[in-house]
Structures are given as C-alpha cells and as structure tokens.
Amino acid sequence: MSQILDVAGSVFSRHGFHSTSMEQIAEGAGVTKPLLYRYFGSKDALYLATITQVGNHLMSGLTLLMANPNPKERLKLIMLSFLTFVERHREGWSVLYNEALTSVGPVGEKVAFFRNSFIEASAKTIEELNDPSKAKSSDKAGIQAVALANIMVGAVEAGARWWIQHPEIPIRDMQKMIETSLMPGLSER
C-alpha cells in the first residue's frame, strides 16, 4: 500500500491532481486500475491517502522535538525538521505545499491540520522562549506567539520553495540562513 502511495505522490507531483489519471498511477505502481479502485474507491480518496502519508512523514519527528526542554534549540530543530522533510521528500513536499495547500474539503482540511500542527508547536515554543516560566503571561503574549509562529512557518515554507530551486545549497546552510533572519524577531518580545 505504501508503495502505491509513493508512486501516486510522484505522479501527482509531476502532473497535478487534475492531470493525473488512475491509469498512470496503476502503471507506475505495477498494479491494475481495478485494484486501485478496490483499495481506494476513487482518485479523490487516493489523493487524500497520499496527502495523509506525506503529512505523516512531515509530522513524524515533531512530537520528539517538543520534548526538548530548551525552547531556543527546539525552535531551531522545528525549522530543521521541516527542511529535512523537504530534502527527503521533495515530491511529497510538492504535492502537499503546491496543489494541496489550496484545496478545499477533506484534502484541504488534512493539509491545514498538518500545517497548523507546526504552527501550534512553534507558537508554544515561541511563548516559552519569551516567558521562561512557561506560563502564559497574557492573552496578548499568546496572540503574539501565534502570529509570530504563522510568520515563521510561512517564511520557512517560502525558503523551502526557493531552496528546491537551488539544490546545491546544503541543508545546514539553508537552516542557518533561515535562523539568522528569523530568530532575532522570535525572541525577547
């Protein structure tokens, strides 16, 4: 099943959802089209399953990162985790953040869930970074942390889009560029 979803992700990333046929995916996966329909029921359901698998890859390390007690280090690791996902799953990144990001319905909801999980983890970390007692100092501080987390995630996504076009840039250099531009504005509020 995972192999079929990998192939589907590859085909969707090259052709987009609307231009991809179940026949292309079946051929790439070495299965029959009826078998795809038996497993998934429709191209929409296959796309949703593909998005779910890609999103699970993205989220796989986030829970472990949140256990890091140092908020500054954790924030850097969240950014690195995102970049590592892009580096290892370029086609999955393309599916998740190019076409699916603007989707509505179940696919849009699934993409929003994955993206919001990163935003929530980042907001919690930013709030802890700015309040060492780890207690919410005010509603304003919480709102500010969420706003900054949205800015951070958006900037990392934009950086990742640029980075895909410049694969000669090592991941650590890209991480450093993002950290240098973002970290001063995320702490000491």
N, C-alpha and C. Protein backbone atom coordinates (compact mmCIF):
# COMPACT_ATOMS: atom_id res chain seq x y z
N MET A 1 0.83 -1.19 0.00
CA MET A 1 0.00 0.00 0.00
C MET A 1 0.87 1.26 0.00
N SER A 2 1.90 1.26 0.84
CA SER A 2 2.80 2.41 0.93
C SER A 2 3.48 2.68 -0.40
N GLN A 3 3.85 1.60 -1.12
CA GLN A 3 4.49 1.76 -2.42
C GLN A 3 3.54 2.43 -3.41
N ILE A 4 2.29 2.04 -3.39
CA ILE A 4 1.30 2.65 -4.27
C ILE A 4 1.18 4.14 -3.95
N LEU A 5 1.15 4.48 -2.67
CA LEU A 5 1.04 5.88 -2.28
C LEU A 5 2.29 6.67 -2.67
N ASP A 6 3.46 6.04 -2.58
CA ASP A 6 4.69 6.70 -3.03
C ASP A 6 4.63 7.01 -4.52
N VAL A 7 4.19 6.04 -5.30
CA VAL A 7 4.06 6.24 -6.75
C VAL A 7 3.02 7.32 -7.02
N ALA A 8 1.89 7.25 -6.33
CA ALA A 8 0.85 8.26 -6.52
C ALA A 8 1.39 9.65 -6.21
N GLY A 9 2.15 9.78 -5.14
CA GLY A 9 2.74 11.07 -4.79
C GLY A 9 3.65 11.58 -5.88
N SER A 10 4.44 10.69 -6.44
CA SER A 10 5.35 11.06 -7.53
C SER A 10 4.58 11.53 -8.76
N VAL A 11 3.55 10.78 -9.14
CA VAL A 11 2.76 11.14 -10.32
C VAL A 11 1.98 12.43 -10.07
N PHE A 12 1.36 12.56 -8.90
CA PHE A 12 0.63 13.80 -8.59
C PHE A 12 1.57 15.00 -8.59
N SER A 13 2.79 14.83 -8.10
CA SER A 13 3.72 15.96 -8.04
C SER A 13 4.15 16.40 -9.44
N ARG A 14 4.25 15.47 -10.37
CA ARG A 14 4.67 15.81 -11.73
C ARG A 14 3.53 16.40 -12.57
N HIS A 15 2.32 15.87 -12.39
CA HIS A 15 1.22 16.24 -13.29
C HIS A 15 0.11 17.05 -12.63
N GLY A 16 0.09 17.11 -11.30
CA GLY A 16 -1.02 17.76 -10.62
C GLY A 16 -2.19 16.81 -10.50
N PHE A 17 -3.09 17.11 -9.60
CA PHE A 17 -4.23 16.22 -9.35
C PHE A 17 -5.09 16.04 -10.60
N HIS A 18 -5.48 17.15 -11.22
CA HIS A 18 -6.44 17.07 -12.32
C HIS A 18 -5.88 16.39 -13.57
N SER A 19 -4.59 16.51 -13.80
CA SER A 19 -3.98 15.90 -14.99
C SER A 19 -3.49 14.48 -14.76
N THR A 20 -3.58 14.00 -13.55
CA THR A 20 -3.15 12.63 -13.23
C THR A 20 -4.32 11.67 -13.42
N SER A 21 -4.03 10.54 -14.05
CA SER A 21 -5.06 9.51 -14.21
C SER A 21 -4.74 8.31 -13.32
N MET A 22 -5.78 7.60 -12.96
CA MET A 22 -5.59 6.37 -12.19
C MET A 22 -4.76 5.37 -12.99
N GLU A 23 -4.89 5.41 -14.30
CA GLU A 23 -4.11 4.52 -15.16
C GLU A 23 -2.61 4.80 -15.02
N GLN A 24 -2.23 6.07 -14.98
CA GLN A 24 -0.81 6.42 -14.81
C GLN A 24 -0.27 5.88 -13.49
N ILE A 25 -1.06 6.03 -12.44
CA ILE A 25 -0.62 5.56 -11.12
C ILE A 25 -0.54 4.04 -11.09
N ALA A 26 -1.55 3.37 -11.64
CA ALA A 26 -1.55 1.90 -11.68
C ALA A 26 -0.33 1.40 -12.44
N GLU A 27 -0.06 2.00 -13.59
CA GLU A 27 1.09 1.59 -14.39
C GLU A 27 2.39 1.80 -13.62
N GLY A 28 2.54 2.94 -12.99
CA GLY A 28 3.75 3.24 -12.23
C GLY A 28 3.94 2.31 -11.03
N ALA A 29 2.83 1.92 -10.42
CA ALA A 29 2.90 1.06 -9.23
C ALA A 29 2.94 -0.43 -9.59
N GLY A 30 2.73 -0.73 -10.87
CA GLY A 30 2.74 -2.14 -11.28
C GLY A 30 1.52 -2.90 -10.82
N VAL A 31 0.39 -2.21 -10.74
CA VAL A 31 -0.87 -2.85 -10.36
C VAL A 31 -1.92 -2.51 -11.41
N THR A 32 -3.08 -3.12 -11.30
CA THR A 32 -4.15 -2.83 -12.24
C THR A 32 -5.00 -1.67 -11.73
N LYS A 33 -5.64 -1.01 -12.67
CA LYS A 33 -6.53 0.09 -12.31
C LYS A 33 -7.68 -0.39 -11.42
N PRO A 34 -8.30 -1.56 -11.71
CA PRO A 34 -9.35 -2.05 -10.82
C PRO A 34 -8.86 -2.27 -9.38
N LEU A 35 -7.60 -2.69 -9.24
CA LEU A 35 -7.05 -2.88 -7.89
C LEU A 35 -6.96 -1.54 -7.16
N LEU A 36 -6.54 -0.49 -7.86
CA LEU A 36 -6.50 0.85 -7.24
C LEU A 36 -7.89 1.24 -6.75
N TYR A 37 -8.89 1.02 -7.60
CA TYR A 37 -10.26 1.37 -7.20
C TYR A 37 -10.75 0.50 -6.04
N ARG A 38 -10.31 -0.74 -5.98
CA ARG A 38 -10.71 -1.60 -4.87
C ARG A 38 -10.11 -1.07 -3.56
N TYR A 39 -8.84 -0.68 -3.61
CA TYR A 39 -8.18 -0.17 -2.40
C TYR A 39 -8.68 1.22 -1.99
N PHE A 40 -8.88 2.09 -2.96
CA PHE A 40 -9.13 3.50 -2.63
C PHE A 40 -10.51 4.01 -3.02
N GLY A 41 -11.18 3.37 -3.95
CA GLY A 41 -12.53 3.77 -4.30
C GLY A 41 -12.60 4.87 -5.35
N SER A 42 -11.71 5.83 -5.29
CA SER A 42 -11.73 6.95 -6.23
C SER A 42 -10.37 7.64 -6.26
N LYS A 43 -10.18 8.46 -7.27
CA LYS A 43 -8.93 9.23 -7.35
C LYS A 43 -8.86 10.21 -6.19
N ASP A 44 -10.00 10.79 -5.80
CA ASP A 44 -10.02 11.71 -4.65
C ASP A 44 -9.55 11.01 -3.38
N ALA A 45 -10.03 9.79 -3.16
CA ALA A 45 -9.64 9.05 -1.95
C ALA A 45 -8.16 8.67 -2.00
N LEU A 46 -7.67 8.33 -3.18
CA LEU A 46 -6.24 8.03 -3.33
C LEU A 46 -5.40 9.28 -3.05
N TYR A 47 -5.85 10.41 -3.54
CA TYR A 47 -5.15 11.67 -3.30
C TYR A 47 -5.11 11.99 -1.80
N LEU A 48 -6.24 11.81 -1.13
CA LEU A 48 -6.30 12.05 0.31
C LEU A 48 -5.36 11.10 1.06
N ALA A 49 -5.33 9.84 0.66
CA ALA A 49 -4.42 8.87 1.30
C ALA A 49 -2.97 9.26 1.06
N THR A 50 -2.68 9.77 -0.14
CA THR A 50 -1.32 10.22 -0.45
C THR A 50 -0.94 11.41 0.41
N ILE A 51 -1.84 12.38 0.52
CA ILE A 51 -1.61 13.57 1.36
C ILE A 51 -1.40 13.15 2.81
N THR A 52 -2.18 12.19 3.27
CA THR A 52 -2.05 11.72 4.65
C THR A 52 -0.68 11.08 4.88
N GLN A 53 -0.25 10.24 3.95
CA GLN A 53 1.07 9.61 4.11
C GLN A 53 2.18 10.67 4.11
N VAL A 54 2.11 11.62 3.19
CA VAL A 54 3.13 12.67 3.12
C VAL A 54 3.12 13.50 4.40
N GLY A 55 1.93 13.86 4.86
CA GLY A 55 1.82 14.64 6.09
C GLY A 55 2.34 13.90 7.30
N ASN A 56 2.11 12.59 7.34
CA ASN A 56 2.64 11.80 8.45
C ASN A 56 4.16 11.79 8.45
N HIS A 57 4.76 11.77 7.25
CA HIS A 57 6.23 11.89 7.17
C HIS A 57 6.67 13.23 7.74
N LEU A 58 5.96 14.28 7.39
CA LEU A 58 6.28 15.62 7.89
C LEU A 58 6.19 15.69 9.41
N MET A 59 5.17 15.07 9.96
CA MET A 59 4.90 15.17 11.39
C MET A 59 5.71 14.18 12.24
N SER A 60 6.35 13.22 11.61
CA SER A 60 6.96 12.11 12.35
C SER A 60 7.91 12.53 13.47
N GLY A 61 8.66 13.57 13.28
CA GLY A 61 9.61 13.96 14.32
C GLY A 61 9.15 15.06 15.25
N LEU A 62 8.00 15.65 14.96
CA LEU A 62 7.57 16.82 15.73
C LEU A 62 7.33 16.50 17.21
N THR A 63 6.72 15.38 17.51
CA THR A 63 6.46 15.01 18.91
C THR A 63 7.75 14.88 19.69
N LEU A 64 8.74 14.24 19.08
CA LEU A 64 10.03 14.10 19.76
C LEU A 64 10.69 15.46 19.98
N LEU A 65 10.59 16.34 19.00
CA LEU A 65 11.19 17.67 19.13
C LEU A 65 10.59 18.45 20.29
N MET A 66 9.31 18.28 20.50
CA MET A 66 8.63 19.05 21.55
C MET A 66 9.09 18.65 22.94
N ALA A 67 9.75 17.52 23.06
CA ALA A 67 10.27 17.08 24.36
C ALA A 67 11.57 17.80 24.73
N ASN A 68 12.19 18.47 23.78
CA ASN A 68 13.42 19.21 24.06
C ASN A 68 13.10 20.35 25.03
N PRO A 69 13.76 20.42 26.19
CA PRO A 69 13.42 21.43 27.19
C PRO A 69 13.90 22.85 26.86
N ASN A 70 14.82 22.99 25.91
CA ASN A 70 15.36 24.31 25.57
C ASN A 70 14.56 24.90 24.40
N PRO A 71 13.72 25.94 24.66
CA PRO A 71 12.86 26.45 23.60
C PRO A 71 13.62 27.01 22.40
N LYS A 72 14.76 27.65 22.63
CA LYS A 72 15.52 28.20 21.50
C LYS A 72 16.04 27.07 20.61
N GLU A 73 16.58 26.04 21.24
CA GLU A 73 17.06 24.88 20.49
C GLU A 73 15.90 24.17 19.80
N ARG A 74 14.77 24.05 20.49
CA ARG A 74 13.60 23.39 19.93
C ARG A 74 13.10 24.11 18.68
N LEU A 75 13.08 25.44 18.73
CA LEU A 75 12.63 26.22 17.58
C LEU A 75 13.54 25.98 16.38
N LYS A 76 14.82 25.93 16.62
CA LYS A 76 15.77 25.63 15.54
C LYS A 76 15.55 24.22 14.99
N LEU A 77 15.25 23.28 15.88
CA LEU A 77 15.01 21.90 15.45
C LEU A 77 13.70 21.78 14.66
N ILE A 78 12.70 22.57 15.02
CA ILE A 78 11.44 22.57 14.26
C ILE A 78 11.72 23.01 12.83
N MET A 79 12.51 24.08 12.68
CA MET A 79 12.86 24.56 11.34
C MET A 79 13.66 23.49 10.58
N LEU A 80 14.63 22.88 11.25
CA LEU A 80 15.45 21.85 10.61
C LEU A 80 14.59 20.64 10.23
N SER A 81 13.64 20.28 11.07
CA SER A 81 12.76 19.15 10.78
C SER A 81 11.99 19.40 9.49
N PHE A 82 11.50 20.61 9.32
CA PHE A 82 10.76 20.98 8.12
C PHE A 82 11.67 20.88 6.89
N LEU A 83 12.87 21.43 7.00
CA LEU A 83 13.81 21.39 5.87
C LEU A 83 14.24 19.95 5.56
N THR A 84 14.42 19.15 6.58
CA THR A 84 14.79 17.74 6.38
C THR A 84 13.69 17.01 5.63
N PHE A 85 12.44 17.29 5.99
CA PHE A 85 11.31 16.70 5.27
C PHE A 85 11.38 17.09 3.79
N VAL A 86 11.61 18.36 3.51
CA VAL A 86 11.67 18.82 2.12
C VAL A 86 12.81 18.12 1.37
N GLU A 87 13.96 18.01 2.03
CA GLU A 87 15.11 17.38 1.40
C GLU A 87 14.85 15.90 1.08
N ARG A 88 14.21 15.19 1.99
CA ARG A 88 13.99 13.75 1.83
C ARG A 88 12.75 13.40 1.01
N HIS A 89 11.80 14.32 0.97
CA HIS A 89 10.51 14.04 0.32
C HIS A 89 10.12 15.18 -0.62
N ARG A 90 10.98 15.49 -1.57
CA ARG A 90 10.72 16.63 -2.46
C ARG A 90 9.40 16.49 -3.22
N GLU A 91 9.12 15.29 -3.70
CA GLU A 91 7.86 15.11 -4.42
C GLU A 91 6.68 15.23 -3.47
N GLY A 92 6.81 14.69 -2.27
CA GLY A 92 5.75 14.83 -1.28
C GLY A 92 5.54 16.28 -0.90
N TRP A 93 6.64 17.01 -0.75
CA TRP A 93 6.55 18.45 -0.47
C TRP A 93 5.77 19.14 -1.58
N SER A 94 6.08 18.79 -2.81
CA SER A 94 5.41 19.40 -3.95
C SER A 94 3.90 19.15 -3.91
N VAL A 95 3.52 17.93 -3.60
CA VAL A 95 2.09 17.60 -3.52
C VAL A 95 1.44 18.35 -2.36
N LEU A 96 2.07 18.34 -1.21
CA LEU A 96 1.48 18.92 0.00
C LEU A 96 1.41 20.44 -0.07
N TYR A 97 2.43 21.08 -0.58
CA TYR A 97 2.50 22.54 -0.49
C TYR A 97 2.26 23.29 -1.78
N ASN A 98 2.13 22.62 -2.88
CA ASN A 98 1.85 23.35 -4.11
C ASN A 98 0.37 23.29 -4.44
N GLU A 99 -0.11 22.11 -4.75
CA GLU A 99 -1.50 21.99 -5.16
C GLU A 99 -2.44 21.79 -3.97
N ALA A 100 -2.07 20.95 -3.04
CA ALA A 100 -2.98 20.58 -1.96
C ALA A 100 -3.21 21.73 -0.97
N LEU A 101 -2.25 22.63 -0.84
CA LEU A 101 -2.38 23.74 0.11
C LEU A 101 -3.60 24.59 -0.19
N THR A 102 -3.99 24.67 -1.46
CA THR A 102 -5.14 25.48 -1.84
C THR A 102 -6.42 24.66 -2.00
N SER A 103 -6.36 23.39 -1.68
CA SER A 103 -7.53 22.51 -1.81
C SER A 103 -8.56 22.80 -0.73
N VAL A 104 -9.79 22.42 -1.03
CA VAL A 104 -10.87 22.52 -0.06
C VAL A 104 -11.37 21.11 0.24
N GLY A 105 -12.30 21.00 1.17
CA GLY A 105 -12.85 19.69 1.50
C GLY A 105 -11.88 18.87 2.33
N PRO A 106 -11.99 17.56 2.28
CA PRO A 106 -11.15 16.69 3.12
C PRO A 106 -9.65 16.89 2.90
N VAL A 107 -9.23 17.09 1.66
CA VAL A 107 -7.80 17.30 1.39
C VAL A 107 -7.33 18.60 2.02
N GLY A 108 -8.08 19.66 1.81
CA GLY A 108 -7.73 20.95 2.41
C GLY A 108 -7.70 20.89 3.93
N GLU A 109 -8.66 20.17 4.51
CA GLU A 109 -8.69 20.02 5.97
C GLU A 109 -7.47 19.25 6.47
N LYS A 110 -7.07 18.22 5.74
CA LYS A 110 -5.91 17.41 6.14
C LYS A 110 -4.63 18.24 6.05
N VAL A 111 -4.47 18.99 4.97
CA VAL A 111 -3.29 19.85 4.81
C VAL A 111 -3.27 20.91 5.91
N ALA A 112 -4.41 21.51 6.19
CA ALA A 112 -4.49 22.52 7.26
C ALA A 112 -4.12 21.91 8.61
N PHE A 113 -4.54 20.68 8.86
CA PHE A 113 -4.19 20.01 10.11
C PHE A 113 -2.67 19.90 10.26
N PHE A 114 -2.00 19.42 9.22
CA PHE A 114 -0.54 19.25 9.30
C PHE A 114 0.15 20.60 9.47
N ARG A 115 -0.27 21.58 8.70
CA ARG A 115 0.36 22.91 8.78
C ARG A 115 0.10 23.53 10.15
N ASN A 116 -1.13 23.44 10.62
CA ASN A 116 -1.47 24.01 11.93
C ASN A 116 -0.74 23.33 13.07
N SER A 117 -0.43 22.05 12.93
CA SER A 117 0.35 21.36 13.96
C SER A 117 1.73 21.99 14.09
N PHE A 118 2.35 22.33 12.97
CA PHE A 118 3.65 23.00 13.02
C PHE A 118 3.51 24.41 13.60
N ILE A 119 2.44 25.10 13.24
CA ILE A 119 2.22 26.45 13.77
C ILE A 119 2.00 26.39 15.28
N GLU A 120 1.18 25.45 15.75
CA GLU A 120 0.92 25.33 17.19
C GLU A 120 2.19 24.99 17.96
N ALA A 121 2.98 24.06 17.45
CA ALA A 121 4.24 23.70 18.12
C ALA A 121 5.18 24.89 18.16
N SER A 122 5.23 25.63 17.08
CA SER A 122 6.09 26.82 17.02
C SER A 122 5.59 27.90 17.96
N ALA A 123 4.28 28.13 18.01
CA ALA A 123 3.73 29.15 18.90
C ALA A 123 4.00 28.81 20.36
N LYS A 124 3.81 27.56 20.72
CA LYS A 124 4.09 27.14 22.10
C LYS A 124 5.55 27.38 22.44
N THR A 125 6.42 27.06 21.51
CA THR A 125 7.86 27.23 21.73
C THR A 125 8.24 28.71 21.80
N ILE A 126 7.67 29.52 20.92
CA ILE A 126 7.95 30.97 20.95
C ILE A 126 7.48 31.56 22.26
N GLU A 127 6.31 31.15 22.73
CA GLU A 127 5.81 31.66 24.00
C GLU A 127 6.73 31.26 25.15
N GLU A 128 7.21 30.02 25.15
CA GLU A 128 8.15 29.58 26.18
C GLU A 128 9.48 30.33 26.08
N LEU A 129 9.90 30.60 24.87
CA LEU A 129 11.16 31.31 24.65
C LEU A 129 11.10 32.72 25.24
N ASN A 130 9.94 33.33 25.15
CA ASN A 130 9.77 34.69 25.63
C ASN A 130 9.27 34.78 27.06
N ASP A 131 8.90 33.64 27.64
CA ASP A 131 8.44 33.61 29.03
C ASP A 131 9.06 32.38 29.69
N PRO A 132 10.26 32.52 30.23
CA PRO A 132 10.96 31.36 30.80
C PRO A 132 10.16 30.58 31.84
N SER A 133 9.19 31.21 32.47
CA SER A 133 8.38 30.48 33.45
C SER A 133 7.43 29.50 32.76
N LYS A 134 7.33 29.62 31.42
CA LYS A 134 6.48 28.76 30.59
C LYS A 134 5.00 28.92 30.90
N ALA A 135 4.68 29.96 31.61
CA ALA A 135 3.27 30.24 31.89
C ALA A 135 2.84 31.38 30.98
N LYS A 136 1.63 31.30 30.50
CA LYS A 136 1.13 32.39 29.66
C LYS A 136 1.09 33.66 30.49
N SER A 137 1.80 34.67 30.02
CA SER A 137 1.83 35.92 30.77
C SER A 137 0.59 36.76 30.48
N SER A 138 0.04 36.63 29.31
CA SER A 138 -1.19 37.37 28.98
C SER A 138 -1.76 36.82 27.69
N ASP A 139 -3.02 37.19 27.43
CA ASP A 139 -3.62 36.81 26.16
C ASP A 139 -2.87 37.44 25.01
N LYS A 140 -2.39 38.67 25.23
CA LYS A 140 -1.64 39.37 24.20
C LYS A 140 -0.37 38.60 23.83
N ALA A 141 0.32 38.06 24.83
CA ALA A 141 1.54 37.28 24.57
C ALA A 141 1.21 36.02 23.77
N GLY A 142 0.09 35.38 24.10
CA GLY A 142 -0.32 34.18 23.36
C GLY A 142 -0.67 34.50 21.92
N ILE A 143 -1.39 35.59 21.71
CA ILE A 143 -1.75 36.02 20.35
C ILE A 143 -0.49 36.37 19.57
N GLN A 144 0.42 37.06 20.23
CA GLN A 144 1.67 37.44 19.57
C GLN A 144 2.48 36.19 19.18
N ALA A 145 2.51 35.20 20.05
CA ALA A 145 3.24 33.96 19.75
C ALA A 145 2.63 33.25 18.55
N VAL A 146 1.30 33.21 18.45
CA VAL A 146 0.64 32.57 17.31
C VAL A 146 0.92 33.35 16.02
N ALA A 147 0.88 34.67 16.11
CA ALA A 147 1.19 35.49 14.93
C ALA A 147 2.62 35.25 14.46
N LEU A 148 3.55 35.26 15.40
CA LEU A 148 4.96 35.03 15.05
C LEU A 148 5.17 33.63 14.49
N ALA A 149 4.46 32.65 15.04
CA ALA A 149 4.58 31.27 14.53
C ALA A 149 4.08 31.18 13.09
N ASN A 150 2.98 31.87 12.79
CA ASN A 150 2.49 31.89 11.41
C ASN A 150 3.50 32.53 10.47
N ILE A 151 4.10 33.62 10.93
CA ILE A 151 5.13 34.29 10.13
C ILE A 151 6.32 33.36 9.93
N MET A 152 6.74 32.69 11.00
CA MET A 152 7.89 31.79 10.91
C MET A 152 7.62 30.64 9.93
N VAL A 153 6.49 29.97 10.09
CA VAL A 153 6.17 28.84 9.23
C VAL A 153 6.05 29.30 7.78
N GLY A 154 5.42 30.45 7.56
CA GLY A 154 5.33 30.98 6.20
C GLY A 154 6.69 31.28 5.60
N ALA A 155 7.58 31.83 6.41
CA ALA A 155 8.94 32.14 5.93
C ALA A 155 9.72 30.86 5.64
N VAL A 156 9.57 29.86 6.49
CA VAL A 156 10.27 28.59 6.25
C VAL A 156 9.72 27.92 4.98
N GLU A 157 8.41 27.98 4.78
CA GLU A 157 7.82 27.43 3.55
C GLU A 157 8.36 28.16 2.32
N ALA A 158 8.41 29.49 2.39
CA ALA A 158 8.93 30.27 1.26
C ALA A 158 10.40 29.94 1.02
N GLY A 159 11.16 29.83 2.11
CA GLY A 159 12.57 29.45 1.98
C GLY A 159 12.72 28.08 1.34
N ALA A 160 11.85 27.15 1.73
CA ALA A 160 11.91 25.80 1.16
C ALA A 160 11.59 25.81 -0.33
N ARG A 161 10.62 26.64 -0.74
CA ARG A 161 10.31 26.75 -2.18
C ARG A 161 11.54 27.24 -2.95
N TRP A 162 12.22 28.24 -2.39
CA TRP A 162 13.43 28.77 -3.03
C TRP A 162 14.51 27.70 -3.05
N TRP A 163 14.67 27.02 -1.94
CA TRP A 163 15.73 26.02 -1.79
C TRP A 163 15.58 24.87 -2.79
N ILE A 164 14.36 24.47 -3.08
CA ILE A 164 14.13 23.40 -4.05
C ILE A 164 14.72 23.79 -5.41
N GLN A 165 14.69 25.08 -5.72
CA GLN A 165 15.26 25.55 -6.98
C GLN A 165 16.78 25.69 -6.92
N HIS A 166 17.36 25.56 -5.73
CA HIS A 166 18.80 25.70 -5.51
C HIS A 166 19.33 24.51 -4.71
N PRO A 167 19.26 23.31 -5.27
CA PRO A 167 19.65 22.11 -4.53
C PRO A 167 21.14 22.06 -4.18
N GLU A 168 21.92 22.95 -4.77
CA GLU A 168 23.35 22.98 -4.44
C GLU A 168 23.61 23.54 -3.04
N ILE A 169 22.62 24.18 -2.45
CA ILE A 169 22.76 24.74 -1.10
C ILE A 169 22.58 23.61 -0.08
N PRO A 170 23.59 23.35 0.75
CA PRO A 170 23.46 22.31 1.78
C PRO A 170 22.37 22.67 2.80
N ILE A 171 21.74 21.67 3.35
CA ILE A 171 20.65 21.88 4.30
C ILE A 171 21.08 22.74 5.49
N ARG A 172 22.26 22.53 6.01
CA ARG A 172 22.72 23.31 7.17
C ARG A 172 22.89 24.78 6.81
N ASP A 173 23.32 25.07 5.58
CA ASP A 173 23.44 26.46 5.14
C ASP A 173 22.06 27.10 5.04
N MET A 174 21.11 26.35 4.50
CA MET A 174 19.74 26.87 4.39
C MET A 174 19.16 27.10 5.77
N GLN A 175 19.37 26.16 6.68
CA GLN A 175 18.89 26.31 8.05
C GLN A 175 19.48 27.58 8.67
N LYS A 176 20.77 27.79 8.48
CA LYS A 176 21.44 28.95 9.06
C LYS A 176 20.87 30.25 8.49
N MET A 177 20.60 30.28 7.18
CA MET A 177 20.01 31.48 6.57
C MET A 177 18.65 31.79 7.20
N ILE A 178 17.84 30.76 7.37
CA ILE A 178 16.51 30.97 7.95
C ILE A 178 16.63 31.40 9.41
N GLU A 179 17.46 30.71 10.17
CA GLU A 179 17.64 31.08 11.59
C GLU A 179 18.14 32.51 11.73
N THR A 180 19.11 32.90 10.94
CA THR A 180 19.68 34.24 11.02
C THR A 180 18.63 35.30 10.75
N SER A 181 17.74 35.03 9.83
CA SER A 181 16.72 36.02 9.50
C SER A 181 15.54 36.01 10.47
N LEU A 182 15.24 34.86 11.08
CA LEU A 182 14.04 34.76 11.92
C LEU A 182 14.27 34.84 13.42
N MET A 183 15.32 34.23 13.91
CA MET A 183 15.48 34.08 15.37
C MET A 183 15.48 35.40 16.13
N PRO A 184 16.13 36.46 15.64
CA PRO A 184 16.10 37.70 16.43
C PRO A 184 14.68 38.25 16.65
N GLY A 185 13.80 38.05 15.69
CA GLY A 185 12.44 38.56 15.82
C GLY A 185 11.50 37.65 16.60
N LEU A 186 11.93 36.44 16.88
CA LEU A 186 11.06 35.48 17.57
C LEU A 186 11.26 35.46 19.08
N SER A 187 12.33 36.07 19.54
CA SER A 187 12.61 36.04 20.98
C SER A 187 12.72 37.46 21.53
N GLU A 188 12.71 37.53 22.85
CA GLU A 188 12.87 38.78 23.59
C GLU A 188 11.80 39.79 23.23
N ARG A 189 10.57 39.37 23.26
CA ARG A 189 9.45 40.27 23.00
C ARG A 189 9.00 40.88 24.29
